[in-house]
Amino acid sequence: MTHEAAAELEAGLTKLRIPSAAAAKLLEFGELVLAANLHTNLTGARNLAEIVRVHLLDSLAPLKFVTLSSPIIDVGSGAGFPGIPAAIAFPDESFVLLEPRAKRAGFLESAASELALGNVSIVKSSAGGPGALPFLGKAGLVLMRAIARPDEAMILGLPLVRAGGALLLYEGRSGRATPEQRRTAKRLGGGEIEVREVAVPGLDAARHAWIVSKLRQPGKNAGH
């Protein structure tokens, strides 16, 4: 199974144009998640092949639609998806993983240390918590996967994004933004919501990426 998972991962990385050199560490992270899952409910995935399709490649596939610009903040990182796979695939970028739950934050700390990810920092906080305050308006990119409905996610994530940066929402079937969601984005200083269909290698399921650029900080004119 491990050999099959490795082959599937390498093929998926090739399709996504991500260097296959990341494969070994991505698989190692997958094994860490499965081991921790015996004691902490991190994911419903039961084996490495599921981790590869449902989490690793799913975490990486939408990144082709955005510009990576540090610091990149993963809000509500949970088991580390998408932040840790992204940090492994793009070692020249710096990542901050926000996770309010102590056990999951502890797992992320342990995994980042075991994988020697010097480009990853773990902050035990929610997006609206005190630990996130130093990052308000600082992120070049914010990642949010399976955290909340799009309008709620924008309220949590857009304040962390600096002007010129972007918020990337990982969505499933949600392929169209409503007028109310577009108004929410603009109220928070965002631009138009771009929705892109995402093809995840090996996964036969609807996936969409919502990209919201940050034009300005709320309360400020675009030219200031």
N, C-alpha and C. Protein backbone atom coordinates (compact mmCIF):
# COMPACT_ATOMS: atom_id res chain seq x y z
N MET A 1 0.83 -1.21 0.00
CA MET A 1 0.00 0.00 0.00
C MET A 1 0.86 1.26 0.00
N THR A 2 1.98 1.21 0.78
CA THR A 2 2.85 2.37 0.83
C THR A 2 3.46 2.66 -0.54
N HIS A 3 3.86 1.58 -1.24
CA HIS A 3 4.45 1.76 -2.58
C HIS A 3 3.42 2.36 -3.53
N GLU A 4 2.18 1.86 -3.47
CA GLU A 4 1.12 2.39 -4.33
C GLU A 4 0.83 3.85 -4.00
N ALA A 5 0.80 4.17 -2.71
CA ALA A 5 0.55 5.55 -2.29
C ALA A 5 1.66 6.47 -2.78
N ALA A 6 2.90 5.99 -2.69
CA ALA A 6 4.04 6.79 -3.15
C ALA A 6 3.96 7.05 -4.64
N ALA A 7 3.60 6.01 -5.40
CA ALA A 7 3.49 6.17 -6.85
C ALA A 7 2.37 7.14 -7.20
N GLU A 8 1.25 7.04 -6.50
CA GLU A 8 0.13 7.94 -6.77
C GLU A 8 0.50 9.39 -6.42
N LEU A 9 1.22 9.55 -5.32
CA LEU A 9 1.63 10.90 -4.92
C LEU A 9 2.58 11.50 -5.96
N GLU A 10 3.56 10.74 -6.38
CA GLU A 10 4.53 11.26 -7.35
C GLU A 10 3.86 11.61 -8.67
N ALA A 11 2.91 10.78 -9.09
CA ALA A 11 2.18 11.08 -10.32
C ALA A 11 1.35 12.34 -10.16
N GLY A 12 0.73 12.50 -9.01
CA GLY A 12 -0.07 13.69 -8.74
C GLY A 12 0.78 14.95 -8.69
N LEU A 13 1.94 14.86 -8.05
CA LEU A 13 2.84 16.01 -7.99
C LEU A 13 3.28 16.42 -9.39
N THR A 14 3.54 15.44 -10.24
CA THR A 14 3.93 15.74 -11.61
C THR A 14 2.82 16.51 -12.34
N LYS A 15 1.58 16.06 -12.15
CA LYS A 15 0.45 16.76 -12.78
C LYS A 15 0.31 18.18 -12.26
N LEU A 16 0.63 18.37 -11.00
CA LEU A 16 0.51 19.70 -10.39
C LEU A 16 1.77 20.55 -10.60
N ARG A 17 2.77 19.95 -11.25
CA ARG A 17 4.05 20.64 -11.53
C ARG A 17 4.75 21.06 -10.25
N ILE A 18 4.72 20.16 -9.29
CA ILE A 18 5.43 20.33 -8.03
C ILE A 18 6.58 19.34 -8.01
N PRO A 19 7.80 19.76 -7.67
CA PRO A 19 8.95 18.85 -7.71
C PRO A 19 8.71 17.58 -6.90
N SER A 20 9.06 16.44 -7.50
CA SER A 20 8.85 15.15 -6.83
C SER A 20 9.75 14.98 -5.61
N ALA A 21 10.73 15.88 -5.47
CA ALA A 21 11.59 15.82 -4.29
C ALA A 21 10.80 15.99 -3.00
N ALA A 22 9.62 16.59 -3.10
CA ALA A 22 8.79 16.80 -1.91
C ALA A 22 8.08 15.52 -1.48
N ALA A 23 8.05 14.50 -2.33
CA ALA A 23 7.22 13.32 -2.08
C ALA A 23 7.59 12.60 -0.79
N ALA A 24 8.88 12.37 -0.54
CA ALA A 24 9.28 11.58 0.62
C ALA A 24 8.82 12.23 1.93
N LYS A 25 9.01 13.53 2.03
CA LYS A 25 8.61 14.21 3.27
C LYS A 25 7.09 14.31 3.39
N LEU A 26 6.40 14.45 2.27
CA LEU A 26 4.94 14.45 2.30
C LEU A 26 4.41 13.11 2.80
N LEU A 27 5.00 12.02 2.33
CA LEU A 27 4.59 10.69 2.80
C LEU A 27 4.91 10.51 4.28
N GLU A 28 6.04 11.03 4.70
CA GLU A 28 6.41 10.95 6.11
C GLU A 28 5.38 11.69 6.97
N PHE A 29 4.95 12.84 6.48
CA PHE A 29 3.92 13.58 7.22
C PHE A 29 2.62 12.78 7.25
N GLY A 30 2.26 12.16 6.14
CA GLY A 30 1.06 11.34 6.12
C GLY A 30 1.12 10.23 7.15
N GLU A 31 2.28 9.59 7.30
CA GLU A 31 2.45 8.54 8.30
C GLU A 31 2.32 9.10 9.71
N LEU A 32 2.82 10.31 9.94
CA LEU A 32 2.69 10.94 11.25
C LEU A 32 1.22 11.20 11.59
N VAL A 33 0.46 11.64 10.60
CA VAL A 33 -0.97 11.88 10.81
C VAL A 33 -1.68 10.59 11.16
N LEU A 34 -1.39 9.52 10.44
CA LEU A 34 -2.04 8.24 10.71
C LEU A 34 -1.69 7.71 12.09
N ALA A 35 -0.43 7.87 12.48
CA ALA A 35 -0.02 7.41 13.81
C ALA A 35 -0.71 8.21 14.91
N ALA A 36 -0.77 9.52 14.74
CA ALA A 36 -1.41 10.36 15.75
C ALA A 36 -2.91 10.14 15.78
N ASN A 37 -3.46 9.72 14.65
CA ASN A 37 -4.90 9.51 14.55
C ASN A 37 -5.39 8.37 15.44
N LEU A 38 -4.49 7.51 15.86
CA LEU A 38 -4.85 6.43 16.77
C LEU A 38 -5.21 6.95 18.15
N HIS A 39 -4.72 8.14 18.47
CA HIS A 39 -4.94 8.72 19.79
C HIS A 39 -5.76 10.01 19.75
N THR A 40 -5.70 10.71 18.64
CA THR A 40 -6.41 11.98 18.49
C THR A 40 -7.16 11.94 17.16
N ASN A 41 -8.39 12.37 17.17
CA ASN A 41 -9.20 12.32 15.95
C ASN A 41 -8.82 13.45 15.01
N LEU A 42 -7.82 13.20 14.18
CA LEU A 42 -7.32 14.22 13.25
C LEU A 42 -8.02 14.16 11.90
N THR A 43 -8.31 12.96 11.44
CA THR A 43 -8.87 12.79 10.09
C THR A 43 -9.64 11.48 10.00
N GLY A 44 -10.55 11.42 9.05
CA GLY A 44 -11.29 10.19 8.82
C GLY A 44 -10.55 9.24 7.90
N ALA A 45 -9.44 9.68 7.31
CA ALA A 45 -8.66 8.83 6.41
C ALA A 45 -8.07 7.65 7.19
N ARG A 46 -8.15 6.46 6.61
CA ARG A 46 -7.73 5.24 7.32
C ARG A 46 -6.39 4.70 6.86
N ASN A 47 -5.90 5.16 5.71
CA ASN A 47 -4.63 4.64 5.22
C ASN A 47 -3.90 5.71 4.42
N LEU A 48 -2.68 5.40 4.03
CA LEU A 48 -1.83 6.40 3.38
C LEU A 48 -2.36 6.79 2.01
N ALA A 49 -2.97 5.84 1.29
CA ALA A 49 -3.53 6.17 -0.02
C ALA A 49 -4.63 7.21 0.10
N GLU A 50 -5.47 7.09 1.12
CA GLU A 50 -6.52 8.09 1.35
C GLU A 50 -5.91 9.43 1.71
N ILE A 51 -4.89 9.41 2.54
CA ILE A 51 -4.21 10.65 2.92
C ILE A 51 -3.67 11.36 1.68
N VAL A 52 -3.08 10.58 0.77
CA VAL A 52 -2.50 11.16 -0.45
C VAL A 52 -3.57 11.87 -1.27
N ARG A 53 -4.68 11.17 -1.53
CA ARG A 53 -5.71 11.72 -2.41
C ARG A 53 -6.53 12.82 -1.74
N VAL A 54 -7.01 12.51 -0.55
CA VAL A 54 -8.01 13.38 0.09
C VAL A 54 -7.37 14.57 0.79
N HIS A 55 -6.10 14.45 1.18
CA HIS A 55 -5.50 15.53 1.94
C HIS A 55 -4.25 16.13 1.30
N LEU A 56 -3.28 15.31 0.95
CA LEU A 56 -2.02 15.87 0.44
C LEU A 56 -2.21 16.56 -0.92
N LEU A 57 -2.71 15.83 -1.89
CA LEU A 57 -2.90 16.42 -3.22
C LEU A 57 -4.01 17.46 -3.21
N ASP A 58 -5.04 17.23 -2.40
CA ASP A 58 -6.12 18.21 -2.28
C ASP A 58 -5.63 19.52 -1.68
N SER A 59 -4.65 19.43 -0.77
CA SER A 59 -4.08 20.64 -0.18
C SER A 59 -3.27 21.44 -1.18
N LEU A 60 -2.60 20.73 -2.09
CA LEU A 60 -1.66 21.39 -3.01
C LEU A 60 -2.29 21.86 -4.31
N ALA A 61 -3.34 21.17 -4.77
CA ALA A 61 -3.90 21.46 -6.10
C ALA A 61 -4.34 22.91 -6.30
N PRO A 62 -5.01 23.56 -5.33
CA PRO A 62 -5.48 24.93 -5.58
C PRO A 62 -4.39 25.99 -5.60
N LEU A 63 -3.18 25.64 -5.15
CA LEU A 63 -2.13 26.65 -5.00
C LEU A 63 -1.64 27.19 -6.34
N LYS A 64 -1.93 26.47 -7.43
CA LYS A 64 -1.51 26.96 -8.75
C LYS A 64 -2.27 28.21 -9.17
N PHE A 65 -3.38 28.50 -8.49
CA PHE A 65 -4.19 29.66 -8.87
C PHE A 65 -3.79 30.94 -8.15
N VAL A 66 -2.84 30.87 -7.22
CA VAL A 66 -2.49 32.04 -6.42
C VAL A 66 -0.99 32.29 -6.45
N THR A 67 -0.63 33.50 -6.07
CA THR A 67 0.78 33.84 -5.90
C THR A 67 1.18 33.59 -4.46
N LEU A 68 2.20 32.78 -4.25
CA LEU A 68 2.67 32.50 -2.89
C LEU A 68 3.54 33.67 -2.44
N SER A 69 3.16 34.25 -1.31
CA SER A 69 3.88 35.40 -0.79
C SER A 69 3.88 35.34 0.73
N SER A 70 5.06 35.26 1.31
CA SER A 70 5.20 35.10 2.76
C SER A 70 4.89 36.38 3.52
N PRO A 71 4.41 36.24 4.77
CA PRO A 71 4.06 34.97 5.40
C PRO A 71 2.73 34.44 4.88
N ILE A 72 2.65 33.12 4.79
CA ILE A 72 1.42 32.45 4.38
C ILE A 72 0.79 31.86 5.64
N ILE A 73 -0.45 32.21 5.91
CA ILE A 73 -1.11 31.79 7.14
C ILE A 73 -2.18 30.77 6.84
N ASP A 74 -2.10 29.63 7.52
CA ASP A 74 -3.11 28.58 7.42
C ASP A 74 -4.02 28.72 8.64
N VAL A 75 -5.24 29.15 8.42
CA VAL A 75 -6.18 29.39 9.52
C VAL A 75 -6.94 28.11 9.86
N GLY A 76 -6.93 27.75 11.15
CA GLY A 76 -7.60 26.53 11.57
C GLY A 76 -6.94 25.31 10.97
N SER A 77 -5.63 25.20 11.14
CA SER A 77 -4.84 24.19 10.43
C SER A 77 -5.23 22.76 10.79
N GLY A 78 -5.72 22.52 11.98
CA GLY A 78 -6.17 21.18 12.36
C GLY A 78 -5.06 20.16 12.33
N ALA A 79 -5.15 19.19 11.42
CA ALA A 79 -4.12 18.17 11.29
C ALA A 79 -2.94 18.65 10.43
N GLY A 80 -2.99 19.92 10.02
CA GLY A 80 -1.88 20.48 9.23
C GLY A 80 -2.16 20.63 7.76
N PHE A 81 -3.41 20.41 7.37
CA PHE A 81 -3.80 20.57 5.96
C PHE A 81 -4.54 21.88 5.76
N PRO A 82 -4.12 22.71 4.84
CA PRO A 82 -3.10 22.50 3.81
C PRO A 82 -1.71 23.01 4.16
N GLY A 83 -1.54 23.60 5.34
CA GLY A 83 -0.30 24.32 5.64
C GLY A 83 0.97 23.52 5.55
N ILE A 84 0.99 22.33 6.17
CA ILE A 84 2.24 21.56 6.18
C ILE A 84 2.58 21.00 4.80
N PRO A 85 1.64 20.42 4.05
CA PRO A 85 2.00 20.01 2.69
C PRO A 85 2.52 21.19 1.84
N ALA A 86 1.89 22.35 2.00
CA ALA A 86 2.34 23.52 1.24
C ALA A 86 3.74 23.93 1.66
N ALA A 87 4.03 23.86 2.96
CA ALA A 87 5.36 24.23 3.45
C ALA A 87 6.42 23.26 2.97
N ILE A 88 6.06 21.98 2.85
CA ILE A 88 7.00 20.98 2.33
C ILE A 88 7.26 21.22 0.85
N ALA A 89 6.20 21.50 0.11
CA ALA A 89 6.33 21.68 -1.34
C ALA A 89 7.02 22.98 -1.72
N PHE A 90 6.88 24.00 -0.84
CA PHE A 90 7.45 25.32 -1.14
C PHE A 90 8.31 25.79 0.03
N PRO A 91 9.50 25.18 0.17
CA PRO A 91 10.36 25.45 1.33
C PRO A 91 10.92 26.86 1.40
N ASP A 92 10.85 27.62 0.32
CA ASP A 92 11.38 28.99 0.34
C ASP A 92 10.38 29.99 0.90
N GLU A 93 9.15 29.56 1.14
CA GLU A 93 8.13 30.43 1.74
C GLU A 93 8.00 30.13 3.23
N SER A 94 7.57 31.13 4.00
CA SER A 94 7.36 30.93 5.44
C SER A 94 5.88 30.80 5.73
N PHE A 95 5.54 29.88 6.62
CA PHE A 95 4.16 29.55 6.93
C PHE A 95 3.89 29.70 8.43
N VAL A 96 2.70 30.21 8.73
CA VAL A 96 2.22 30.29 10.11
C VAL A 96 0.94 29.48 10.18
N LEU A 97 0.89 28.51 11.08
CA LEU A 97 -0.29 27.67 11.24
C LEU A 97 -1.04 28.09 12.49
N LEU A 98 -2.25 28.61 12.32
CA LEU A 98 -3.09 28.99 13.45
C LEU A 98 -4.01 27.83 13.80
N GLU A 99 -3.94 27.37 15.03
CA GLU A 99 -4.79 26.27 15.49
C GLU A 99 -5.12 26.46 16.97
N PRO A 100 -6.40 26.67 17.30
CA PRO A 100 -6.77 26.97 18.68
C PRO A 100 -6.84 25.76 19.61
N ARG A 101 -6.98 24.56 19.08
CA ARG A 101 -7.14 23.37 19.92
C ARG A 101 -5.78 22.84 20.36
N ALA A 102 -5.63 22.65 21.66
CA ALA A 102 -4.32 22.33 22.24
C ALA A 102 -3.73 21.04 21.69
N LYS A 103 -4.53 19.97 21.61
CA LYS A 103 -3.99 18.69 21.14
C LYS A 103 -3.53 18.78 19.69
N ARG A 104 -4.30 19.47 18.88
CA ARG A 104 -3.91 19.59 17.47
C ARG A 104 -2.71 20.51 17.31
N ALA A 105 -2.68 21.60 18.06
CA ALA A 105 -1.50 22.47 18.02
C ALA A 105 -0.26 21.72 18.47
N GLY A 106 -0.42 20.86 19.48
CA GLY A 106 0.69 20.04 19.95
C GLY A 106 1.18 19.07 18.88
N PHE A 107 0.24 18.47 18.17
CA PHE A 107 0.62 17.58 17.07
C PHE A 107 1.38 18.34 15.99
N LEU A 108 0.90 19.54 15.65
CA LEU A 108 1.56 20.33 14.61
C LEU A 108 2.99 20.69 15.02
N GLU A 109 3.17 21.06 16.27
CA GLU A 109 4.51 21.37 16.78
C GLU A 109 5.43 20.16 16.63
N SER A 110 4.91 19.00 17.03
CA SER A 110 5.70 17.77 16.97
C SER A 110 6.04 17.40 15.53
N ALA A 111 5.03 17.50 14.64
CA ALA A 111 5.26 17.14 13.24
C ALA A 111 6.25 18.08 12.58
N ALA A 112 6.11 19.38 12.82
CA ALA A 112 7.04 20.35 12.21
C ALA A 112 8.46 20.11 12.68
N SER A 113 8.60 19.73 13.96
CA SER A 113 9.93 19.45 14.50
C SER A 113 10.50 18.17 13.91
N GLU A 114 9.69 17.11 13.85
CA GLU A 114 10.17 15.82 13.34
C GLU A 114 10.53 15.91 11.86
N LEU A 115 9.81 16.73 11.12
CA LEU A 115 10.07 16.89 9.69
C LEU A 115 11.12 17.96 9.41
N ALA A 116 11.61 18.60 10.47
CA ALA A 116 12.63 19.66 10.34
C ALA A 116 12.17 20.77 9.40
N LEU A 117 10.93 21.23 9.62
CA LEU A 117 10.37 22.30 8.79
C LEU A 117 10.70 23.65 9.42
N GLY A 118 11.84 24.19 9.04
CA GLY A 118 12.26 25.47 9.59
C GLY A 118 11.45 26.64 9.09
N ASN A 119 10.61 26.42 8.09
CA ASN A 119 9.79 27.50 7.53
C ASN A 119 8.37 27.51 8.09
N VAL A 120 8.14 26.77 9.17
CA VAL A 120 6.80 26.66 9.76
C VAL A 120 6.81 27.12 11.22
N SER A 121 5.82 27.97 11.56
CA SER A 121 5.61 28.37 12.95
C SER A 121 4.18 27.99 13.34
N ILE A 122 4.00 27.52 14.57
CA ILE A 122 2.69 27.15 15.07
C ILE A 122 2.24 28.16 16.10
N VAL A 123 1.03 28.67 15.95
CA VAL A 123 0.47 29.61 16.92
C VAL A 123 -0.85 29.04 17.42
N LYS A 124 -0.94 28.81 18.72
CA LYS A 124 -2.17 28.26 19.31
C LYS A 124 -3.17 29.40 19.47
N SER A 125 -3.97 29.59 18.44
CA SER A 125 -4.94 30.68 18.45
C SER A 125 -5.92 30.49 17.29
N SER A 126 -7.08 31.05 17.46
CA SER A 126 -8.02 31.16 16.34
C SER A 126 -7.68 32.42 15.55
N ALA A 127 -8.33 32.60 14.42
CA ALA A 127 -8.08 33.80 13.61
C ALA A 127 -8.48 35.06 14.35
N GLY A 128 -9.47 34.96 15.24
CA GLY A 128 -9.91 36.12 16.00
C GLY A 128 -9.34 36.20 17.40
N GLY A 129 -8.43 35.27 17.73
CA GLY A 129 -7.85 35.24 19.07
C GLY A 129 -6.65 36.15 19.22
N PRO A 130 -6.16 36.32 20.46
CA PRO A 130 -5.04 37.22 20.71
C PRO A 130 -3.75 36.80 20.01
N GLY A 131 -3.58 35.50 19.79
CA GLY A 131 -2.37 35.05 19.12
C GLY A 131 -2.27 35.48 17.67
N ALA A 132 -3.41 35.81 17.09
CA ALA A 132 -3.43 36.22 15.68
C ALA A 132 -3.24 37.73 15.51
N LEU A 133 -3.32 38.49 16.58
CA LEU A 133 -3.24 39.95 16.48
C LEU A 133 -1.97 40.45 15.77
N PRO A 134 -0.80 39.85 16.03
CA PRO A 134 0.41 40.35 15.35
C PRO A 134 0.38 40.16 13.84
N PHE A 135 -0.55 39.34 13.35
CA PHE A 135 -0.59 39.03 11.92
C PHE A 135 -1.67 39.81 11.17
N LEU A 136 -2.42 40.64 11.85
CA LEU A 136 -3.47 41.40 11.18
C LEU A 136 -2.88 42.29 10.08
N GLY A 137 -3.38 42.12 8.87
CA GLY A 137 -2.90 42.93 7.75
C GLY A 137 -1.49 42.62 7.31
N LYS A 138 -0.95 41.44 7.67
CA LYS A 138 0.45 41.13 7.36
C LYS A 138 0.62 39.99 6.36
N ALA A 139 -0.37 39.12 6.20
CA ALA A 139 -0.19 37.93 5.38
C ALA A 139 -0.22 38.23 3.89
N GLY A 140 0.70 37.62 3.16
CA GLY A 140 0.65 37.71 1.71
C GLY A 140 -0.40 36.78 1.14
N LEU A 141 -0.68 35.70 1.87
CA LEU A 141 -1.68 34.73 1.46
C LEU A 141 -2.23 34.05 2.70
N VAL A 142 -3.55 33.91 2.75
CA VAL A 142 -4.20 33.17 3.83
C VAL A 142 -4.92 31.97 3.22
N LEU A 143 -4.69 30.80 3.81
CA LEU A 143 -5.32 29.56 3.37
C LEU A 143 -6.39 29.14 4.38
N MET A 144 -7.56 28.77 3.88
CA MET A 144 -8.62 28.29 4.77
C MET A 144 -9.31 27.10 4.10
N ARG A 145 -9.21 25.96 4.75
CA ARG A 145 -9.75 24.71 4.19
C ARG A 145 -10.73 24.10 5.17
N ALA A 146 -11.99 23.99 4.74
CA ALA A 146 -13.03 23.32 5.55
C ALA A 146 -13.16 23.94 6.94
N ILE A 147 -13.17 25.27 6.99
CA ILE A 147 -13.27 25.96 8.27
C ILE A 147 -14.68 26.46 8.53
N ALA A 148 -15.27 27.12 7.54
CA ALA A 148 -16.58 27.73 7.72
C ALA A 148 -17.17 28.01 6.35
N ARG A 149 -18.43 28.45 6.34
CA ARG A 149 -19.03 28.87 5.08
C ARG A 149 -18.24 30.04 4.51
N PRO A 150 -18.26 30.24 3.18
CA PRO A 150 -17.42 31.27 2.58
C PRO A 150 -17.57 32.66 3.19
N ASP A 151 -18.80 33.10 3.48
CA ASP A 151 -18.94 34.44 4.04
C ASP A 151 -18.32 34.53 5.43
N GLU A 152 -18.48 33.49 6.24
CA GLU A 152 -17.87 33.48 7.57
C GLU A 152 -16.35 33.38 7.47
N ALA A 153 -15.87 32.59 6.51
CA ALA A 153 -14.43 32.44 6.32
C ALA A 153 -13.79 33.77 5.92
N MET A 154 -14.46 34.53 5.08
CA MET A 154 -13.93 35.83 4.68
C MET A 154 -13.83 36.78 5.86
N ILE A 155 -14.82 36.74 6.74
CA ILE A 155 -14.81 37.60 7.93
C ILE A 155 -13.62 37.26 8.82
N LEU A 156 -13.29 35.97 8.90
CA LEU A 156 -12.15 35.53 9.72
C LEU A 156 -10.81 35.76 9.02
N GLY A 157 -10.76 35.47 7.73
CA GLY A 157 -9.48 35.45 7.05
C GLY A 157 -9.00 36.73 6.41
N LEU A 158 -9.92 37.52 5.84
CA LEU A 158 -9.48 38.73 5.12
C LEU A 158 -8.77 39.77 5.99
N PRO A 159 -9.16 39.94 7.27
CA PRO A 159 -8.42 40.91 8.09
C PRO A 159 -6.93 40.58 8.25
N LEU A 160 -6.56 39.33 8.06
CA LEU A 160 -5.16 38.94 8.20
C LEU A 160 -4.34 39.27 6.95
N VAL A 161 -5.01 39.51 5.82
CA VAL A 161 -4.33 39.70 4.54
C VAL A 161 -3.91 41.15 4.34
N ARG A 162 -2.72 41.35 3.87
CA ARG A 162 -2.26 42.70 3.58
C ARG A 162 -2.75 43.13 2.20
N ALA A 163 -2.77 44.43 1.95
CA ALA A 163 -3.14 44.94 0.63
C ALA A 163 -2.21 44.34 -0.42
N GLY A 164 -2.81 43.81 -1.48
CA GLY A 164 -2.03 43.16 -2.53
C GLY A 164 -1.93 41.66 -2.35
N GLY A 165 -2.33 41.17 -1.16
CA GLY A 165 -2.33 39.73 -0.90
C GLY A 165 -3.66 39.11 -1.27
N ALA A 166 -3.88 37.89 -0.83
CA ALA A 166 -5.10 37.20 -1.19
C ALA A 166 -5.51 36.18 -0.15
N LEU A 167 -6.79 35.88 -0.14
CA LEU A 167 -7.37 34.82 0.68
C LEU A 167 -7.77 33.69 -0.25
N LEU A 168 -7.34 32.47 0.05
CA LEU A 168 -7.70 31.28 -0.74
C LEU A 168 -8.58 30.38 0.10
N LEU A 169 -9.83 30.22 -0.34
CA LEU A 169 -10.76 29.33 0.34
C LEU A 169 -10.86 28.02 -0.43
N TYR A 170 -10.68 26.91 0.28
CA TYR A 170 -10.84 25.59 -0.31
C TYR A 170 -12.31 25.20 -0.17
N GLU A 171 -13.01 25.12 -1.28
CA GLU A 171 -14.43 24.80 -1.26
C GLU A 171 -14.69 23.50 -2.03
N GLY A 172 -15.78 22.85 -1.71
CA GLY A 172 -16.15 21.64 -2.41
C GLY A 172 -17.03 21.95 -3.60
N ARG A 173 -18.33 21.76 -3.42
CA ARG A 173 -19.25 21.97 -4.54
C ARG A 173 -19.56 23.45 -4.79
N SER A 174 -19.22 24.31 -3.85
CA SER A 174 -19.59 25.73 -3.97
C SER A 174 -18.84 26.38 -5.13
N GLY A 175 -19.54 26.49 -6.26
CA GLY A 175 -18.89 26.99 -7.46
C GLY A 175 -19.30 28.37 -7.89
N ARG A 176 -20.11 29.05 -7.07
CA ARG A 176 -20.55 30.39 -7.44
C ARG A 176 -20.79 31.22 -6.19
N ALA A 177 -20.26 32.43 -6.19
CA ALA A 177 -20.45 33.33 -5.05
C ALA A 177 -21.77 34.07 -5.18
N THR A 178 -22.47 34.25 -4.07
CA THR A 178 -23.73 34.98 -4.08
C THR A 178 -23.46 36.48 -4.03
N PRO A 179 -24.43 37.29 -4.41
CA PRO A 179 -24.26 38.75 -4.29
C PRO A 179 -23.91 39.17 -2.86
N GLU A 180 -24.51 38.52 -1.87
CA GLU A 180 -24.22 38.87 -0.48
C GLU A 180 -22.77 38.55 -0.13
N GLN A 181 -22.27 37.42 -0.60
CA GLN A 181 -20.88 37.07 -0.33
C GLN A 181 -19.93 38.04 -1.02
N ARG A 182 -20.27 38.49 -2.20
CA ARG A 182 -19.43 39.48 -2.88
C ARG A 182 -19.44 40.82 -2.15
N ARG A 183 -20.60 41.17 -1.58
CA ARG A 183 -20.67 42.41 -0.79
C ARG A 183 -19.83 42.28 0.49
N THR A 184 -19.84 41.09 1.08
CA THR A 184 -19.03 40.86 2.27
C THR A 184 -17.55 41.05 1.96
N ALA A 185 -17.11 40.52 0.84
CA ALA A 185 -15.72 40.67 0.44
C ALA A 185 -15.34 42.14 0.29
N LYS A 186 -16.19 42.90 -0.39
CA LYS A 186 -15.89 44.32 -0.61
C LYS A 186 -15.89 45.10 0.70
N ARG A 187 -16.81 44.75 1.59
CA ARG A 187 -16.89 45.45 2.89
C ARG A 187 -15.61 45.24 3.70
N LEU A 188 -14.96 44.11 3.49
CA LEU A 188 -13.74 43.77 4.22
C LEU A 188 -12.48 44.20 3.49
N GLY A 189 -12.65 44.99 2.42
CA GLY A 189 -11.50 45.49 1.68
C GLY A 189 -11.05 44.58 0.56
N GLY A 190 -11.88 43.57 0.24
CA GLY A 190 -11.51 42.65 -0.82
C GLY A 190 -12.02 43.07 -2.17
N GLY A 191 -11.49 42.42 -3.19
CA GLY A 191 -11.94 42.67 -4.56
C GLY A 191 -12.98 41.65 -4.98
N GLU A 192 -13.08 41.43 -6.26
CA GLU A 192 -14.01 40.43 -6.77
C GLU A 192 -13.60 39.03 -6.32
N ILE A 193 -14.57 38.16 -6.13
CA ILE A 193 -14.30 36.77 -5.78
C ILE A 193 -14.13 35.97 -7.07
N GLU A 194 -12.95 35.40 -7.23
CA GLU A 194 -12.68 34.55 -8.39
C GLU A 194 -12.87 33.10 -7.97
N VAL A 195 -13.71 32.37 -8.67
CA VAL A 195 -13.96 30.96 -8.35
C VAL A 195 -13.40 30.10 -9.48
N ARG A 196 -12.50 29.18 -9.10
CA ARG A 196 -11.87 28.31 -10.09
C ARG A 196 -12.15 26.85 -9.75
N GLU A 197 -12.47 26.07 -10.77
CA GLU A 197 -12.66 24.63 -10.55
C GLU A 197 -11.29 23.97 -10.40
N VAL A 198 -11.18 23.11 -9.41
CA VAL A 198 -9.91 22.47 -9.10
C VAL A 198 -9.97 20.99 -9.45
N ALA A 199 -9.01 20.53 -10.21
CA ALA A 199 -8.88 19.10 -10.51
C ALA A 199 -7.80 18.52 -9.60
N VAL A 200 -8.21 17.69 -8.65
CA VAL A 200 -7.27 17.04 -7.74
C VAL A 200 -6.92 15.68 -8.31
N PRO A 201 -5.65 15.42 -8.61
CA PRO A 201 -5.26 14.14 -9.19
C PRO A 201 -5.74 12.95 -8.34
N GLY A 202 -6.42 12.01 -8.97
CA GLY A 202 -6.86 10.81 -8.29
C GLY A 202 -8.14 10.95 -7.49
N LEU A 203 -8.70 12.15 -7.42
CA LEU A 203 -9.89 12.38 -6.61
C LEU A 203 -11.07 12.75 -7.51
N ASP A 204 -12.08 11.92 -7.50
CA ASP A 204 -13.26 12.16 -8.32
C ASP A 204 -14.32 12.85 -7.46
N ALA A 205 -14.13 14.13 -7.23
CA ALA A 205 -15.05 14.90 -6.39
C ALA A 205 -14.96 16.36 -6.78
N ALA A 206 -16.07 17.07 -6.57
CA ALA A 206 -16.10 18.50 -6.92
C ALA A 206 -15.23 19.30 -5.96
N ARG A 207 -14.36 20.11 -6.52
CA ARG A 207 -13.51 20.99 -5.71
C ARG A 207 -13.46 22.36 -6.40
N HIS A 208 -13.50 23.39 -5.61
CA HIS A 208 -13.38 24.75 -6.14
C HIS A 208 -12.45 25.57 -5.25
N ALA A 209 -11.75 26.48 -5.86
CA ALA A 209 -10.92 27.44 -5.13
C ALA A 209 -11.56 28.81 -5.26
N TRP A 210 -11.79 29.47 -4.12
CA TRP A 210 -12.28 30.85 -4.11
C TRP A 210 -11.10 31.74 -3.77
N ILE A 211 -10.78 32.66 -4.66
CA ILE A 211 -9.66 33.59 -4.42
C ILE A 211 -10.21 34.99 -4.27
N VAL A 212 -9.90 35.60 -3.13
CA VAL A 212 -10.34 36.97 -2.85
C VAL A 212 -9.10 37.83 -2.66
N SER A 213 -8.84 38.74 -3.59
CA SER A 213 -7.70 39.64 -3.45
C SER A 213 -8.02 40.71 -2.43
N LYS A 214 -6.99 41.20 -1.77
CA LYS A 214 -7.16 42.27 -0.78
C LYS A 214 -6.72 43.58 -1.42
N LEU A 215 -7.67 44.49 -1.60
CA LEU A 215 -7.37 45.76 -2.25
C LEU A 215 -6.90 46.82 -1.27
N ARG A 216 -7.47 46.79 -0.09
CA ARG A 216 -7.17 47.83 0.91
C ARG A 216 -7.61 47.34 2.27
N GLN A 217 -7.13 48.03 3.30
CA GLN A 217 -7.62 47.76 4.64
C GLN A 217 -8.96 48.48 4.84
N PRO A 218 -9.94 47.84 5.48
CA PRO A 218 -11.25 48.48 5.68
C PRO A 218 -11.11 49.85 6.34
N GLY A 219 -11.88 50.79 5.85
CA GLY A 219 -11.86 52.12 6.45
C GLY A 219 -10.86 53.05 5.79
N LYS A 220 -10.07 52.50 4.84
CA LYS A 220 -9.06 53.31 4.15
C LYS A 220 -9.42 53.40 2.66
N ASN A 221 -9.17 54.54 2.09
CA ASN A 221 -9.39 54.70 0.67
C ASN A 221 -8.33 53.91 -0.10
N ALA A 222 -8.72 53.43 -1.26
CA ALA A 222 -7.80 52.58 -2.03
C ALA A 222 -6.48 53.28 -2.32
N GLY A 223 -6.48 54.59 -2.43
CA GLY A 223 -5.26 55.30 -2.77
C GLY A 223 -4.39 55.63 -1.57
N HIS A 224 -4.85 55.35 -0.36
CA HIS A 224 -4.07 55.70 0.82
C HIS A 224 -3.15 54.57 1.22
